Amino acid sequence: MKLYRSLVDIEPLLHKPVRQMSLGQRTLSDILAAFLTGLFL
């Protein structure tokens, strides 16, 4: 998670409701979630 925080400014999005995110923010969150899911499989 530290790697993703350093690559992308994800900190402000961690506690933001999905309804309030822009399309780009949601896409970025989905991509990061896919990477994280792949790490734990």
PDB file of N, CA and C in Angstrom:
ATOM      1  N   MET A   1       0.826  -1.191   0.000  1.00  0.00           N
ATOM      2  CA  MET A   1       0.000   0.000   0.000  1.00  0.00           C
ATOM      3  C   MET A   1       0.868   1.251   0.000  1.00  0.00           C
ATOM      4  N   LYS A   2       2.001   1.216   0.661  1.00  0.00           N
ATOM      5  CA  LYS A   2       2.892   2.377   0.691  1.00  0.00           C
ATOM      6  C   LYS A   2       3.383   2.716  -0.710  1.00  0.00           C
ATOM      7  N   LEU A   3       3.645   1.695  -1.516  1.00  0.00           N
ATOM      8  CA  LEU A   3       4.087   1.921  -2.892  1.00  0.00           C
ATOM      9  C   LEU A   3       3.032   2.687  -3.673  1.00  0.00           C
ATOM     10  N   TYR A   4       1.773   2.267  -3.568  1.00  0.00           N
ATOM     11  CA  TYR A   4       0.697   2.940  -4.297  1.00  0.00           C
ATOM     12  C   TYR A   4       0.463   4.349  -3.778  1.00  0.00           C
ATOM     13  N   ARG A   5       0.631   4.525  -2.473  1.00  0.00           N
ATOM     14  CA  ARG A   5       0.481   5.878  -1.924  1.00  0.00           C
ATOM     15  C   ARG A   5       1.564   6.801  -2.447  1.00  0.00           C
ATOM     16  N   SER A   6       2.761   6.269  -2.657  1.00  0.00           N
ATOM     17  CA  SER A   6       3.850   7.111  -3.148  1.00  0.00           C
ATOM     18  C   SER A   6       3.726   7.373  -4.648  1.00  0.00           C
ATOM     19  N   LEU A   7       3.210   6.407  -5.398  1.00  0.00           N
ATOM     20  CA  LEU A   7       3.059   6.584  -6.845  1.00  0.00           C
ATOM     21  C   LEU A   7       1.890   7.498  -7.194  1.00  0.00           C
ATOM     22  N   VAL A   8       0.812   7.315  -6.489  1.00  0.00           N
ATOM     23  CA  VAL A   8      -0.417   8.060  -6.771  1.00  0.00           C
ATOM     24  C   VAL A   8      -0.878   8.699  -5.468  1.00  0.00           C
ATOM     25  N   ASP A   9      -1.353   9.907  -5.548  1.00  0.00           N
ATOM     26  CA  ASP A   9      -1.841  10.593  -4.345  1.00  0.00           C
ATOM     27  C   ASP A   9      -3.211  10.022  -3.978  1.00  0.00           C
ATOM     28  N   ILE A  10      -3.192   8.848  -3.357  1.00  0.00           N
ATOM     29  CA  ILE A  10      -4.426   8.124  -3.049  1.00  0.00           C
ATOM     30  C   ILE A  10      -4.992   8.498  -1.680  1.00  0.00           C
ATOM     31  N   GLU A  11      -4.192   9.131  -0.852  1.00  0.00           N
ATOM     32  CA  GLU A  11      -4.591   9.433   0.529  1.00  0.00           C
ATOM     33  C   GLU A  11      -5.943  10.167   0.629  1.00  0.00           C
ATOM     34  N   PRO A  12      -6.190  11.211  -0.162  1.00  0.00           N
ATOM     35  CA  PRO A  12      -7.486  11.910  -0.033  1.00  0.00           C
ATOM     36  C   PRO A  12      -8.678  11.043  -0.447  1.00  0.00           C
ATOM     37  N   LEU A  13      -8.444  10.005  -1.222  1.00  0.00           N
ATOM     38  CA  LEU A  13      -9.546   9.171  -1.704  1.00  0.00           C
ATOM     39  C   LEU A  13      -9.902   8.032  -0.754  1.00  0.00           C
ATOM     40  N   LEU A  14      -9.057   7.759   0.218  1.00  0.00           N
ATOM     41  CA  LEU A  14      -9.267   6.593   1.069  1.00  0.00           C
ATOM     42  C   LEU A  14     -10.562   6.663   1.874  1.00  0.00           C
ATOM     43  N   HIS A  15     -10.981   7.834   2.259  1.00  0.00           N
ATOM     44  CA  HIS A  15     -12.175   7.972   3.093  1.00  0.00           C
ATOM     45  C   HIS A  15     -13.284   8.750   2.389  1.00  0.00           C
ATOM     46  N   LYS A  16     -13.169   8.884   1.076  1.00  0.00           N
ATOM     47  CA  LYS A  16     -14.160   9.626   0.309  1.00  0.00           C
ATOM     48  C   LYS A  16     -15.220   8.660  -0.226  1.00  0.00           C
ATOM     49  N   PRO A  17     -16.491   8.957  -0.022  1.00  0.00           N
ATOM     50  CA  PRO A  17     -17.533   8.079  -0.559  1.00  0.00           C
ATOM     51  C   PRO A  17     -17.464   8.008  -2.094  1.00  0.00           C
ATOM     52  N   VAL A  18     -17.753   6.846  -2.629  1.00  0.00           N
ATOM     53  CA  VAL A  18     -17.667   6.644  -4.081  1.00  0.00           C
ATOM     54  C   VAL A  18     -18.592   7.591  -4.825  1.00  0.00           C
ATOM     55  N   ARG A  19     -19.732   7.895  -4.248  1.00  0.00           N
ATOM     56  CA  ARG A  19     -20.693   8.796  -4.901  1.00  0.00           C
ATOM     57  C   ARG A  19     -20.110  10.177  -5.157  1.00  0.00           C
ATOM     58  N   GLN A  20     -19.127  10.579  -4.347  1.00  0.00           N
ATOM     59  CA  GLN A  20     -18.559  11.920  -4.460  1.00  0.00           C
ATOM     60  C   GLN A  20     -17.287  11.956  -5.289  1.00  0.00           C
ATOM     61  N   MET A  21     -16.844  10.823  -5.809  1.00  0.00           N
ATOM     62  CA  MET A  21     -15.627  10.773  -6.620  1.00  0.00           C
ATOM     63  C   MET A  21     -15.942  11.087  -8.078  1.00  0.00           C
ATOM     64  N   SER A  22     -14.961  11.668  -8.749  1.00  0.00           N
ATOM     65  CA  SER A  22     -15.095  11.882 -10.184  1.00  0.00           C
ATOM     66  C   SER A  22     -14.864  10.553 -10.898  1.00  0.00           C
ATOM     67  N   LEU A  23     -15.146  10.508 -12.179  1.00  0.00           N
ATOM     68  CA  LEU A  23     -14.957   9.281 -12.946  1.00  0.00           C
ATOM     69  C   LEU A  23     -13.494   8.856 -12.928  1.00  0.00           C
ATOM     70  N   GLY A  24     -12.575   9.798 -13.045  1.00  0.00           N
ATOM     71  CA  GLY A  24     -11.150   9.485 -13.013  1.00  0.00           C
ATOM     72  C   GLY A  24     -10.706   8.928 -11.671  1.00  0.00           C
ATOM     73  N   GLN A  25     -11.252   9.485 -10.601  1.00  0.00           N
ATOM     74  CA  GLN A  25     -10.918   8.997  -9.265  1.00  0.00           C
ATOM     75  C   GLN A  25     -11.444   7.584  -9.048  1.00  0.00           C
ATOM     76  N   ARG A  26     -12.660   7.322  -9.540  1.00  0.00           N
ATOM     77  CA  ARG A  26     -13.228   5.973  -9.405  1.00  0.00           C
ATOM     78  C   ARG A  26     -12.442   4.964 -10.226  1.00  0.00           C
ATOM     79  N   THR A  27     -12.044   5.362 -11.428  1.00  0.00           N
ATOM     80  CA  THR A  27     -11.255   4.470 -12.279  1.00  0.00           C
ATOM     81  C   THR A  27      -9.921   4.153 -11.618  1.00  0.00           C
ATOM     82  N   LEU A  28      -9.261   5.161 -11.095  1.00  0.00           N
ATOM     83  CA  LEU A  28      -7.992   4.961 -10.391  1.00  0.00           C
ATOM     84  C   LEU A  28      -8.179   4.029  -9.191  1.00  0.00           C
ATOM     85  N   SER A  29      -9.237   4.234  -8.442  1.00  0.00           N
ATOM     86  CA  SER A  29      -9.515   3.376  -7.290  1.00  0.00           C
ATOM     87  C   SER A  29      -9.760   1.931  -7.715  1.00  0.00           C
ATOM     88  N   ASP A  30     -10.484   1.733  -8.815  1.00  0.00           N
ATOM     89  CA  ASP A  30     -10.740   0.381  -9.321  1.00  0.00           C
ATOM     90  C   ASP A  30      -9.451  -0.298  -9.769  1.00  0.00           C
ATOM     91  N   ILE A  31      -8.585   0.440 -10.429  1.00  0.00           N
ATOM     92  CA  ILE A  31      -7.309  -0.124 -10.885  1.00  0.00           C
ATOM     93  C   ILE A  31      -6.444  -0.515  -9.690  1.00  0.00           C
ATOM     94  N   LEU A  32      -6.356   0.364  -8.704  1.00  0.00           N
ATOM     95  CA  LEU A  32      -5.571   0.045  -7.508  1.00  0.00           C
ATOM     96  C   LEU A  32      -6.157  -1.134  -6.743  1.00  0.00           C
ATOM     97  N   ALA A  33      -7.470  -1.221  -6.687  1.00  0.00           N
ATOM     98  CA  ALA A  33      -8.118  -2.358  -6.016  1.00  0.00           C
ATOM     99  C   ALA A  33      -7.792  -3.656  -6.756  1.00  0.00           C
ATOM    100  N   ALA A  34      -7.755  -3.615  -8.079  1.00  0.00           N
ATOM    101  CA  ALA A  34      -7.418  -4.810  -8.850  1.00  0.00           C
ATOM    102  C   ALA A  34      -5.977  -5.232  -8.580  1.00  0.00           C
ATOM    103  N   PHE A  35      -5.060  -4.282  -8.499  1.00  0.00           N
ATOM    104  CA  PHE A  35      -3.676  -4.605  -8.178  1.00  0.00           C
ATOM    105  C   PHE A  35      -3.544  -5.204  -6.781  1.00  0.00           C
ATOM    106  N   LEU A  36      -4.247  -4.617  -5.823  1.00  0.00           N
ATOM    107  CA  LEU A  36      -4.190  -5.124  -4.454  1.00  0.00           C
ATOM    108  C   LEU A  36      -4.780  -6.519  -4.350  1.00  0.00           C
ATOM    109  N   THR A  37      -5.872  -6.760  -5.066  1.00  0.00           N
ATOM    110  CA  THR A  37      -6.498  -8.082  -5.054  1.00  0.00           C
ATOM    111  C   THR A  37      -5.536  -9.108  -5.654  1.00  0.00           C
ATOM    112  N   GLY A  38      -4.829  -8.736  -6.702  1.00  0.00           N
ATOM    113  CA  GLY A  38      -3.873  -9.639  -7.333  1.00  0.00           C
ATOM    114  C   GLY A  38      -2.702  -9.970  -6.424  1.00  0.00           C
ATOM    115  N   LEU A  39      -2.330  -9.049  -5.551  1.00  0.00           N
ATOM    116  CA  LEU A  39      -1.222  -9.280  -4.639  1.00  0.00           C
ATOM    117  C   LEU A  39      -1.554 -10.332  -3.586  1.00  0.00           C
ATOM    118  N   PHE A  40      -2.821 -10.397  -3.201  1.00  0.00           N
ATOM    119  CA  PHE A  40      -3.223 -11.287  -2.111  1.00  0.00           C
ATOM    120  C   PHE A  40      -3.703 -12.639  -2.585  1.00  0.00           C
ATOM    121  N   LEU A  41      -3.741 -12.873  -3.877  1.00  0.00           N
ATOM    122  CA  LEU A  41      -4.185 -14.186  -4.390  1.00  0.00           C
ATOM    123  C   LEU A  41      -3.071 -15.179  -4.389  1.00  0.00           C
TER     124      LEU A  41
END
